[in-house]
Amino acid sequence: MTADFDERVLRRIVRFTIGLGVIGAMVALARFGPRTAGGFLCGASISILNFWTLERMTIALTSGGGARGSAGLFGLRYLMVGAAVYVIVKILEISLMSVLAGLFVSAAAVIVEILYELVFLS
């Protein structure tokens, strides 16, 4: 596998994540209302940000530089995600389940990418 292939895979995963986040928010809006849709969208936004930081950390580690900063960011990002979820749930009074559902959008996008590769690239 080439670096070009890897870049295309990452771009597709980001697009799938954004698409699933928007579609999920629209379904949540139609079915459960604006607060739930907002919670799902917040969770999906955190999910895409988390995926982006993982991608950047992996690039930094594999390129041979920035390992110390990346390791610090690795631990810090979970604290930041936890703080963001706490603020969304407690202060904005949005359902925890909708935020947690949004947090799984990146994982769902990876599964969609696997299915995409099985169907179109094999």
Protein backbone atom coordinates (compact mmCIF):
# COMPACT_ATOMS: atom_id res chain seq x y z
CA MET A 1 0.00 0.00 0.00
CA THR A 2 1.27 3.41 -0.89
CA ALA A 3 1.17 6.73 0.90
CA ASP A 4 -1.25 7.98 -1.76
CA PHE A 5 -3.64 5.13 -0.96
CA ASP A 6 -3.40 5.90 2.77
CA GLU A 7 -4.18 9.57 2.17
CA ARG A 8 -7.23 8.67 0.08
CA VAL A 9 -8.45 6.31 2.83
CA LEU A 10 -8.07 9.02 5.47
CA ARG A 11 -9.90 11.56 3.29
CA ARG A 12 -12.75 9.10 2.75
CA ILE A 13 -12.99 8.38 6.48
CA VAL A 14 -13.19 12.11 7.23
CA ARG A 15 -15.90 12.54 4.57
CA PHE A 16 -17.82 9.53 5.88
CA THR A 17 -17.55 10.92 9.42
CA ILE A 18 -18.91 14.30 8.38
CA GLY A 19 -21.67 12.70 6.31
CA LEU A 20 -22.71 10.32 9.07
CA GLY A 21 -22.67 13.19 11.57
CA VAL A 22 -24.93 15.35 9.42
CA ILE A 23 -27.28 12.48 8.53
CA GLY A 24 -27.44 11.36 12.16
CA ALA A 25 -28.20 14.89 13.32
CA MET A 26 -31.00 15.23 10.75
CA VAL A 27 -32.52 11.91 11.82
CA ALA A 28 -32.23 12.90 15.50
CA LEU A 29 -33.84 16.25 14.73
CA ALA A 30 -36.77 14.64 12.93
CA ARG A 31 -37.25 11.90 15.52
CA PHE A 32 -36.26 13.41 18.88
CA GLY A 33 -36.06 17.19 18.51
CA PRO A 34 -33.43 19.90 18.40
CA ARG A 35 -31.75 19.23 21.79
CA THR A 36 -31.00 15.63 20.91
CA ALA A 37 -29.83 16.60 17.42
CA GLY A 38 -27.57 19.25 18.92
CA GLY A 39 -26.12 16.72 21.36
CA PHE A 40 -25.48 14.26 18.54
CA LEU A 41 -23.83 16.98 16.46
CA CYS A 42 -21.65 18.02 19.41
CA GLY A 43 -20.57 14.42 19.93
CA ALA A 44 -19.88 14.00 16.22
CA SER A 45 -17.80 17.19 16.23
CA ILE A 46 -15.74 15.92 19.16
CA SER A 47 -15.36 12.60 17.34
CA ILE A 48 -13.99 14.20 14.18
CA LEU A 49 -11.64 16.38 16.23
CA ASN A 50 -10.43 13.30 18.11
CA PHE A 51 -9.86 11.44 14.83
CA TRP A 52 -7.93 14.41 13.46
CA THR A 53 -5.66 14.55 16.53
CA LEU A 54 -5.02 10.81 16.27
CA GLU A 55 -4.13 11.23 12.61
CA ARG A 56 -1.72 14.09 13.35
CA MET A 57 -0.14 12.19 16.22
CA THR A 58 0.39 9.14 14.04
CA ILE A 59 1.98 11.24 11.31
CA ALA A 60 4.28 12.88 13.86
CA LEU A 61 5.33 9.54 15.33
CA THR A 62 5.95 7.85 11.98
CA SER A 63 7.89 10.78 10.55
CA GLY A 64 10.45 10.47 13.35
CA GLY A 65 9.82 13.74 15.16
CA GLY A 66 7.47 15.16 17.73
CA ALA A 67 7.04 12.00 19.78
CA ARG A 68 7.24 13.82 23.11
CA GLY A 69 4.59 16.41 22.20
CA SER A 70 2.38 13.77 20.63
CA ALA A 71 2.46 11.58 23.73
CA GLY A 72 1.44 14.55 25.87
CA LEU A 73 -1.37 15.39 23.49
CA PHE A 74 -2.51 11.74 23.54
CA GLY A 75 -3.18 11.87 27.27
CA LEU A 76 -4.48 15.42 27.29
CA ARG A 77 -7.06 14.90 24.59
CA TYR A 78 -9.03 12.39 26.68
CA LEU A 79 -9.22 14.93 29.49
CA MET A 80 -10.39 17.55 27.01
CA VAL A 81 -13.03 15.21 25.56
CA GLY A 82 -14.26 14.38 29.05
CA ALA A 83 -14.45 18.07 29.97
CA ALA A 84 -16.31 18.90 26.76
CA VAL A 85 -18.84 16.11 27.32
CA TYR A 86 -19.33 17.25 30.94
CA VAL A 87 -20.02 20.83 29.83
CA ILE A 88 -22.40 19.69 27.10
CA VAL A 89 -24.37 17.42 29.43
CA LYS A 90 -24.38 19.43 32.68
CA ILE A 91 -24.38 23.04 31.57
CA LEU A 92 -26.25 22.82 28.27
CA GLU A 93 -28.50 20.07 29.69
CA ILE A 94 -28.31 17.89 26.61
CA SER A 95 -28.89 14.15 26.80
CA LEU A 96 -25.76 12.13 27.53
CA MET A 97 -26.91 9.34 25.21
CA SER A 98 -27.14 11.65 22.20
CA VAL A 99 -23.62 12.96 22.83
CA LEU A 100 -22.27 9.42 23.27
CA ALA A 101 -23.98 8.33 20.04
CA GLY A 102 -22.25 11.20 18.25
CA LEU A 103 -18.89 10.18 19.71
CA PHE A 104 -19.14 6.86 17.86
CA VAL A 105 -19.46 8.51 14.44
CA SER A 106 -15.75 8.08 13.62
CA ALA A 107 -15.90 4.38 14.48
CA ALA A 108 -18.94 4.02 12.22
CA ALA A 109 -17.08 5.86 9.45
CA VAL A 110 -14.18 3.41 9.72
CA ILE A 111 -16.64 0.52 9.37
CA VAL A 112 -18.19 2.21 6.32
CA GLU A 113 -14.69 2.62 4.85
CA ILE A 114 -14.00 -1.10 5.37
CA LEU A 115 -17.25 -1.96 3.60
CA TYR A 116 -16.39 0.51 0.82
CA GLU A 117 -13.04 -1.17 0.26
CA LEU A 118 -14.58 -4.64 0.30
CA VAL A 119 -17.19 -3.69 -2.27
CA PHE A 120 -15.35 -1.30 -4.59
CA LEU A 121 -11.65 -2.13 -4.25
CA SER A 122 -11.59 -5.92 -4.20
